[in-house]
Amino acid sequence: MTTAGSAAGSLRPLLYGNVPMDEWGPAETAASAEPWASFAQARAKFHNGHVDDAVALWRRIASTSGNESRSILEAWHFLRAAGVAPPIEQTKVVLGVIAEMPMESGHDVLAAYRDGSVRYLNFSGKAAVVEPPTTKDVSDAVAAWFRVAEEIVPNIGPWEEPALPDLPAGNLRVMMLTPSGPHFGQGPADAMGADPTVGRFVAAAAVVLHAVTELAT
């Protein structure tokens, strides 16, 4: 876990593409930039019983090039909840990767997204946010991490529950975020680390973390 009320604690719920509909984006339906205006409109349509209209808006968000990866993941989260599955060719498209490493009393969390953004949440409560365009070292490291994830994701099924399971102290979680939902494995760090596939994922994440921390030096 991360320190409650800290920068990391505030950011962590936003990493996974599973924020509840009523908590994602601004409440107003007008005077908002896209895709926030469409999210607000879809939410209003859904609550007024116009599910088909809400689905059309979420589909548009999910298919619009240039939208942030987390917005696309949220749109698919809402679509799946409405009974709409992604096309088969999109089910394993990796839009985000996350490594949650046990550290003393909590976890360090590193997340990177297809759009090039990175979030690093330290167990102490501090956080670093990187938005594109960024350095070549960061972009190359993120691309390499995604390549590892793309090799892993075909062998794991998506998590279909609305919320992720708790991550106990001392446990490691590796995750890939896709339109069909999160694909992940978690367990005691020693046991997870003994798996060569997990080891490659964590090693690639470590390279990203090094590149991100170099930005601050």
C-alpha atoms as a PDB file:
ATOM      1  CA  MET A   1       0.000   0.000   0.000  1.00  0.00           C
ATOM      2  CA  THR A   2       0.990   3.643  -0.305  1.00  0.00           C
ATOM      3  CA  THR A   3       0.677   6.350   2.305  1.00  0.00           C
ATOM      4  CA  ALA A   4      -2.914   7.596   2.575  1.00  0.00           C
ATOM      5  CA  GLY A   5      -3.336  11.228   1.553  1.00  0.00           C
ATOM      6  CA  SER A   6       0.051  11.334  -0.140  1.00  0.00           C
ATOM      7  CA  ALA A   7       0.745  12.091  -3.795  1.00  0.00           C
ATOM      8  CA  ALA A   8       1.267   8.379  -4.411  1.00  0.00           C
ATOM      9  CA  GLY A   9      -1.897   7.484  -2.521  1.00  0.00           C
ATOM     10  CA  SER A  10      -3.925   9.901  -4.654  1.00  0.00           C
ATOM     11  CA  LEU A  11      -2.492   8.661  -7.937  1.00  0.00           C
ATOM     12  CA  ARG A  12      -2.568   4.932  -7.340  1.00  0.00           C
ATOM     13  CA  PRO A  13      -6.317   4.344  -7.939  1.00  0.00           C
ATOM     14  CA  LEU A  14      -5.960   6.060 -11.335  1.00  0.00           C
ATOM     15  CA  LEU A  15      -3.336   3.650 -12.706  1.00  0.00           C
ATOM     16  CA  TYR A  16      -5.351   0.546 -13.543  1.00  0.00           C
ATOM     17  CA  GLY A  17      -8.082   1.684 -15.913  1.00  0.00           C
ATOM     18  CA  ASN A  18     -10.819   0.619 -13.494  1.00  0.00           C
ATOM     19  CA  VAL A  19     -11.960   3.837 -11.817  1.00  0.00           C
ATOM     20  CA  PRO A  20     -15.760   3.675 -11.227  1.00  0.00           C
ATOM     21  CA  MET A  21     -17.801   5.587 -13.791  1.00  0.00           C
ATOM     22  CA  ASP A  22     -19.006   8.250 -11.365  1.00  0.00           C
ATOM     23  CA  GLU A  23     -15.450   8.994 -10.210  1.00  0.00           C
ATOM     24  CA  TRP A  24     -13.731   9.300 -13.594  1.00  0.00           C
ATOM     25  CA  GLY A  25     -13.424  12.830 -14.956  1.00  0.00           C
ATOM     26  CA  PRO A  26     -15.397  15.994 -14.248  1.00  0.00           C
ATOM     27  CA  ALA A  27     -19.039  15.886 -13.262  1.00  0.00           C
ATOM     28  CA  GLU A  28     -20.250  18.534 -15.718  1.00  0.00           C
ATOM     29  CA  THR A  29     -21.383  17.596 -19.237  1.00  0.00           C
ATOM     30  CA  ALA A  30     -20.382  20.889 -20.860  1.00  0.00           C
ATOM     31  CA  ALA A  31     -17.392  23.238 -21.032  1.00  0.00           C
ATOM     32  CA  SER A  32     -14.908  20.367 -20.749  1.00  0.00           C
ATOM     33  CA  ALA A  33     -12.167  19.354 -23.129  1.00  0.00           C
ATOM     34  CA  GLU A  34     -12.301  15.968 -24.803  1.00  0.00           C
ATOM     35  CA  PRO A  35     -12.441  13.190 -23.914  1.00  0.00           C
ATOM     36  CA  TRP A  36     -13.811  14.479 -20.601  1.00  0.00           C
ATOM     37  CA  ALA A  37     -16.923  15.989 -22.169  1.00  0.00           C
ATOM     38  CA  SER A  38     -17.733  12.647 -23.803  1.00  0.00           C
ATOM     39  CA  PHE A  39     -17.145  10.754 -20.560  1.00  0.00           C
ATOM     40  CA  ALA A  40     -19.493  13.129 -18.727  1.00  0.00           C
ATOM     41  CA  GLN A  41     -22.117  12.850 -21.480  1.00  0.00           C
ATOM     42  CA  ALA A  42     -21.864   9.054 -21.488  1.00  0.00           C
ATOM     43  CA  ARG A  43     -22.266   8.941 -17.713  1.00  0.00           C
ATOM     44  CA  ALA A  44     -25.401  11.081 -17.908  1.00  0.00           C
ATOM     45  CA  LYS A  45     -26.815   8.977 -20.758  1.00  0.00           C
ATOM     46  CA  PHE A  46     -26.140   5.765 -18.827  1.00  0.00           C
ATOM     47  CA  HIS A  47     -27.796   6.990 -15.636  1.00  0.00           C
ATOM     48  CA  ASN A  48     -30.811   8.185 -17.631  1.00  0.00           C
ATOM     49  CA  GLY A  49     -31.259   4.713 -19.101  1.00  0.00           C
ATOM     50  CA  HIS A  50     -29.851   5.500 -22.565  1.00  0.00           C
ATOM     51  CA  VAL A  51     -27.269   2.741 -22.471  1.00  0.00           C
ATOM     52  CA  ASP A  52     -26.888   2.505 -26.254  1.00  0.00           C
ATOM     53  CA  ASP A  53     -25.998   6.189 -26.442  1.00  0.00           C
ATOM     54  CA  ALA A  54     -23.473   5.791 -23.623  1.00  0.00           C
ATOM     55  CA  VAL A  55     -21.932   2.786 -25.375  1.00  0.00           C
ATOM     56  CA  ALA A  56     -21.577   4.777 -28.599  1.00  0.00           C
ATOM     57  CA  LEU A  57     -19.714   7.526 -26.735  1.00  0.00           C
ATOM     58  CA  TRP A  58     -17.388   5.077 -24.975  1.00  0.00           C
ATOM     59  CA  ARG A  59     -16.681   3.333 -28.276  1.00  0.00           C
ATOM     60  CA  ARG A  60     -15.740   6.668 -29.799  1.00  0.00           C
ATOM     61  CA  ILE A  61     -13.377   7.439 -26.930  1.00  0.00           C
ATOM     62  CA  ALA A  62     -11.780   3.994 -27.168  1.00  0.00           C
ATOM     63  CA  SER A  63     -11.208   4.296 -30.911  1.00  0.00           C
ATOM     64  CA  THR A  64     -10.024   7.910 -31.097  1.00  0.00           C
ATOM     65  CA  SER A  65      -6.327   8.127 -31.862  1.00  0.00           C
ATOM     66  CA  GLY A  66      -4.521  10.574 -29.626  1.00  0.00           C
ATOM     67  CA  ASN A  67      -6.542   9.834 -26.492  1.00  0.00           C
ATOM     68  CA  GLU A  68      -4.476   8.937 -23.445  1.00  0.00           C
ATOM     69  CA  SER A  69      -4.075   5.225 -22.839  1.00  0.00           C
ATOM     70  CA  ARG A  70      -5.748   5.474 -19.431  1.00  0.00           C
ATOM     71  CA  SER A  71      -8.814   7.091 -21.020  1.00  0.00           C
ATOM     72  CA  ILE A  72      -9.009   4.274 -23.555  1.00  0.00           C
ATOM     73  CA  LEU A  73      -8.693   1.712 -20.766  1.00  0.00           C
ATOM     74  CA  GLU A  74     -11.453   3.431 -18.786  1.00  0.00           C
ATOM     75  CA  ALA A  75     -13.724   3.490 -21.837  1.00  0.00           C
ATOM     76  CA  TRP A  76     -13.230  -0.269 -22.257  1.00  0.00           C
ATOM     77  CA  HIS A  77     -13.821  -0.783 -18.535  1.00  0.00           C
ATOM     78  CA  PHE A  78     -17.219   0.906 -18.875  1.00  0.00           C
ATOM     79  CA  LEU A  79     -17.982  -0.928 -22.130  1.00  0.00           C
ATOM     80  CA  ARG A  80     -17.272  -4.324 -20.582  1.00  0.00           C
ATOM     81  CA  ALA A  81     -19.504  -3.432 -17.617  1.00  0.00           C
ATOM     82  CA  ALA A  82     -22.246  -2.647 -20.145  1.00  0.00           C
ATOM     83  CA  GLY A  83     -21.783  -6.075 -21.749  1.00  0.00           C
ATOM     84  CA  VAL A  84     -19.687  -4.948 -24.726  1.00  0.00           C
ATOM     85  CA  ALA A  85     -16.546  -6.995 -25.370  1.00  0.00           C
ATOM     86  CA  PRO A  86     -13.636  -5.719 -27.464  1.00  0.00           C
ATOM     87  CA  PRO A  87     -13.054  -7.192 -30.922  1.00  0.00           C
ATOM     88  CA  ILE A  88     -10.929 -10.330 -30.795  1.00  0.00           C
ATOM     89  CA  GLU A  89      -7.997  -8.544 -32.427  1.00  0.00           C
ATOM     90  CA  GLN A  90      -7.935  -5.987 -29.582  1.00  0.00           C
ATOM     91  CA  THR A  91      -8.315  -8.291 -26.583  1.00  0.00           C
ATOM     92  CA  LYS A  92      -4.560  -8.701 -26.066  1.00  0.00           C
ATOM     93  CA  VAL A  93      -3.394  -5.226 -27.103  1.00  0.00           C
ATOM     94  CA  VAL A  94      -1.235  -4.000 -24.227  1.00  0.00           C
ATOM     95  CA  LEU A  95      -2.050  -0.392 -23.349  1.00  0.00           C
ATOM     96  CA  GLY A  96      -0.342  -0.311 -19.969  1.00  0.00           C
ATOM     97  CA  VAL A  97       2.171  -2.233 -17.865  1.00  0.00           C
ATOM     98  CA  ILE A  98       2.521  -2.159 -14.085  1.00  0.00           C
ATOM     99  CA  ALA A  99       5.022  -3.627 -11.639  1.00  0.00           C
ATOM    100  CA  GLU A 100       4.254  -3.524  -7.906  1.00  0.00           C
ATOM    101  CA  MET A 101       7.327  -4.403  -5.858  1.00  0.00           C
ATOM    102  CA  PRO A 102       7.311  -5.045  -2.087  1.00  0.00           C
ATOM    103  CA  MET A 103       9.310  -2.438  -0.165  1.00  0.00           C
ATOM    104  CA  GLU A 104       9.560  -2.358   3.635  1.00  0.00           C
ATOM    105  CA  SER A 105       6.040  -1.488   4.802  1.00  0.00           C
ATOM    106  CA  GLY A 106       4.421  -1.201   1.363  1.00  0.00           C
ATOM    107  CA  HIS A 107       5.020  -1.339  -2.384  1.00  0.00           C
ATOM    108  CA  ASP A 108       6.773   0.698  -5.016  1.00  0.00           C
ATOM    109  CA  VAL A 109       4.538   0.950  -8.082  1.00  0.00           C
ATOM    110  CA  LEU A 110       5.775   1.658 -11.594  1.00  0.00           C
ATOM    111  CA  ALA A 111       3.300   2.065 -14.457  1.00  0.00           C
ATOM    112  CA  ALA A 112       3.898   2.907 -18.107  1.00  0.00           C
ATOM    113  CA  TYR A 113       1.406   3.386 -20.901  1.00  0.00           C
ATOM    114  CA  ARG A 114       1.255   2.992 -24.655  1.00  0.00           C
ATOM    115  CA  ASP A 115       1.111   6.783 -25.042  1.00  0.00           C
ATOM    116  CA  GLY A 116       4.559   7.063 -23.420  1.00  0.00           C
ATOM    117  CA  SER A 117       3.499   8.335 -20.003  1.00  0.00           C
ATOM    118  CA  VAL A 118       4.981   6.878 -16.821  1.00  0.00           C
ATOM    119  CA  ARG A 119       3.957   6.973 -13.161  1.00  0.00           C
ATOM    120  CA  TYR A 120       6.297   6.019 -10.333  1.00  0.00           C
ATOM    121  CA  LEU A 121       4.804   5.794  -6.847  1.00  0.00           C
ATOM    122  CA  ASN A 122       7.277   5.304  -4.018  1.00  0.00           C
ATOM    123  CA  PHE A 123       6.105   3.422  -0.920  1.00  0.00           C
ATOM    124  CA  SER A 124       6.999   6.514   1.126  1.00  0.00           C
ATOM    125  CA  GLY A 125       4.207   8.450  -0.562  1.00  0.00           C
ATOM    126  CA  LYS A 126       6.269  10.405  -3.066  1.00  0.00           C
ATOM    127  CA  ALA A 127       5.424  10.199  -6.759  1.00  0.00           C
ATOM    128  CA  ALA A 128       6.916  11.049 -10.140  1.00  0.00           C
ATOM    129  CA  VAL A 129       4.828  11.720 -13.245  1.00  0.00           C
ATOM    130  CA  VAL A 130       6.386  11.643 -16.723  1.00  0.00           C
ATOM    131  CA  GLU A 131       4.417  12.769 -19.764  1.00  0.00           C
ATOM    132  CA  PRO A 132       5.489  12.563 -23.418  1.00  0.00           C
ATOM    133  CA  PRO A 133       7.511  13.782 -25.136  1.00  0.00           C
ATOM    134  CA  THR A 134      10.298  12.518 -22.921  1.00  0.00           C
ATOM    135  CA  THR A 135      13.913  11.430 -23.259  1.00  0.00           C
ATOM    136  CA  LYS A 136      15.062   8.719 -25.639  1.00  0.00           C
ATOM    137  CA  ASP A 137      16.250   6.645 -22.684  1.00  0.00           C
ATOM    138  CA  VAL A 138      12.777   6.653 -21.153  1.00  0.00           C
ATOM    139  CA  SER A 139      10.936   5.987 -24.427  1.00  0.00           C
ATOM    140  CA  ASP A 140      13.314   3.179 -25.402  1.00  0.00           C
ATOM    141  CA  ALA A 141      13.029   1.570 -21.972  1.00  0.00           C
ATOM    142  CA  VAL A 142       9.221   1.755 -22.052  1.00  0.00           C
ATOM    143  CA  ALA A 143       9.167   0.216 -25.531  1.00  0.00           C
ATOM    144  CA  ALA A 144      11.371  -2.649 -24.342  1.00  0.00           C
ATOM    145  CA  TRP A 145       9.093  -3.239 -21.329  1.00  0.00           C
ATOM    146  CA  PHE A 146       6.092  -3.398 -23.648  1.00  0.00           C
ATOM    147  CA  ARG A 147       7.838  -5.957 -25.845  1.00  0.00           C
ATOM    148  CA  VAL A 148       8.266  -8.244 -22.840  1.00  0.00           C
ATOM    149  CA  ALA A 149       4.628  -7.718 -21.845  1.00  0.00           C
ATOM    150  CA  GLU A 150       3.417  -8.542 -25.359  1.00  0.00           C
ATOM    151  CA  GLU A 151       5.178 -11.900 -25.152  1.00  0.00           C
ATOM    152  CA  ILE A 152       3.535 -12.686 -21.817  1.00  0.00           C
ATOM    153  CA  VAL A 153      -0.039 -11.492 -22.276  1.00  0.00           C
ATOM    154  CA  PRO A 154      -1.218 -14.239 -24.704  1.00  0.00           C
ATOM    155  CA  ASN A 155      -0.587 -16.815 -21.977  1.00  0.00           C
ATOM    156  CA  ILE A 156      -2.728 -15.149 -19.284  1.00  0.00           C
ATOM    157  CA  GLY A 157      -6.476 -14.703 -19.149  1.00  0.00           C
ATOM    158  CA  PRO A 158      -8.060 -11.377 -18.191  1.00  0.00           C
ATOM    159  CA  TRP A 159      -9.259 -10.613 -14.680  1.00  0.00           C
ATOM    160  CA  GLU A 160     -13.023 -10.213 -14.923  1.00  0.00           C
ATOM    161  CA  GLU A 161     -13.926  -8.911 -11.470  1.00  0.00           C
ATOM    162  CA  PRO A 162     -14.646  -5.163 -11.102  1.00  0.00           C
ATOM    163  CA  ALA A 163     -11.895  -4.665  -8.497  1.00  0.00           C
ATOM    164  CA  LEU A 164      -8.396  -6.058  -8.224  1.00  0.00           C
ATOM    165  CA  PRO A 165      -7.495  -8.335  -5.303  1.00  0.00           C
ATOM    166  CA  ASP A 166      -5.514  -6.956  -2.400  1.00  0.00           C
ATOM    167  CA  LEU A 167      -1.735  -7.175  -2.669  1.00  0.00           C
ATOM    168  CA  PRO A 168      -0.370  -8.341   0.697  1.00  0.00           C
ATOM    169  CA  ALA A 169       2.914  -7.094   2.107  1.00  0.00           C
ATOM    170  CA  GLY A 170       5.842  -9.018   0.689  1.00  0.00           C
ATOM    171  CA  ASN A 171       3.956  -9.884  -2.493  1.00  0.00           C
ATOM    172  CA  LEU A 172       4.850  -8.879  -6.049  1.00  0.00           C
ATOM    173  CA  ARG A 173       2.376  -8.145  -8.840  1.00  0.00           C
ATOM    174  CA  VAL A 174       3.089  -7.862 -12.561  1.00  0.00           C
ATOM    175  CA  MET A 175       0.284  -6.600 -14.773  1.00  0.00           C
ATOM    176  CA  MET A 176      -0.653  -5.853 -18.360  1.00  0.00           C
ATOM    177  CA  LEU A 177      -3.655  -3.620 -19.086  1.00  0.00           C
ATOM    178  CA  THR A 178      -5.707  -4.399 -22.194  1.00  0.00           C
ATOM    179  CA  PRO A 179      -9.161  -3.622 -23.632  1.00  0.00           C
ATOM    180  CA  SER A 180     -10.336  -7.017 -22.333  1.00  0.00           C
ATOM    181  CA  GLY A 181      -9.196  -6.204 -18.808  1.00  0.00           C
ATOM    182  CA  PRO A 182      -6.078  -6.522 -16.679  1.00  0.00           C
ATOM    183  CA  HIS A 183      -3.883  -9.593 -17.111  1.00  0.00           C
ATOM    184  CA  PHE A 184      -1.682 -10.198 -14.089  1.00  0.00           C
ATOM    185  CA  GLY A 185       0.075 -12.527 -11.722  1.00  0.00           C
ATOM    186  CA  GLN A 186       0.852 -11.954  -8.077  1.00  0.00           C
ATOM    187  CA  GLY A 187       2.335 -13.838  -5.178  1.00  0.00           C
ATOM    188  CA  PRO A 188       5.239 -13.941  -2.728  1.00  0.00           C
ATOM    189  CA  ALA A 189       8.145 -12.039  -4.236  1.00  0.00           C
ATOM    190  CA  ASP A 190      10.623 -14.912  -3.907  1.00  0.00           C
ATOM    191  CA  ALA A 191       8.338 -17.379  -5.662  1.00  0.00           C
ATOM    192  CA  MET A 192       7.348 -14.912  -8.363  1.00  0.00           C
ATOM    193  CA  GLY A 193      10.945 -13.863  -8.920  1.00  0.00           C
ATOM    194  CA  ALA A 194      11.968 -17.462  -9.545  1.00  0.00           C
ATOM    195  CA  ASP A 195       9.859 -17.475 -12.717  1.00  0.00           C
ATOM    196  CA  PRO A 196      12.098 -16.435 -15.646  1.00  0.00           C
ATOM    197  CA  THR A 197       9.208 -14.691 -17.404  1.00  0.00           C
ATOM    198  CA  VAL A 198       8.417 -12.594 -14.344  1.00  0.00           C
ATOM    199  CA  GLY A 199      12.120 -11.906 -13.976  1.00  0.00           C
ATOM    200  CA  ARG A 200      12.321 -10.451 -17.481  1.00  0.00           C
ATOM    201  CA  PHE A 201       9.253  -8.287 -16.830  1.00  0.00           C
ATOM    202  CA  VAL A 202      10.688  -6.943 -13.584  1.00  0.00           C
ATOM    203  CA  ALA A 203      14.122  -6.396 -15.136  1.00  0.00           C
ATOM    204  CA  ALA A 204      12.561  -4.363 -17.957  1.00  0.00           C
ATOM    205  CA  ALA A 205      10.617  -2.329 -15.394  1.00  0.00           C
ATOM    206  CA  ALA A 206      13.855  -1.647 -13.510  1.00  0.00           C
ATOM    207  CA  VAL A 207      15.395  -0.153 -16.647  1.00  0.00           C
ATOM    208  CA  VAL A 208      12.395   2.168 -17.006  1.00  0.00           C
ATOM    209  CA  LEU A 209      12.663   3.194 -13.359  1.00  0.00           C
ATOM    210  CA  HIS A 210      16.356   3.979 -13.761  1.00  0.00           C
ATOM    211  CA  ALA A 211      15.636   6.117 -16.832  1.00  0.00           C
ATOM    212  CA  VAL A 212      12.856   7.964 -15.003  1.00  0.00           C
ATOM    213  CA  THR A 213      14.953   8.650 -11.921  1.00  0.00           C
ATOM    214  CA  GLU A 214      17.741   9.961 -14.143  1.00  0.00           C
ATOM    215  CA  LEU A 215      15.350  12.730 -15.236  1.00  0.00           C
ATOM    216  CA  ALA A 216      15.382  14.112 -11.722  1.00  0.00           C
ATOM    217  CA  THR A 217      19.176  14.211 -11.423  1.00  0.00           C
END
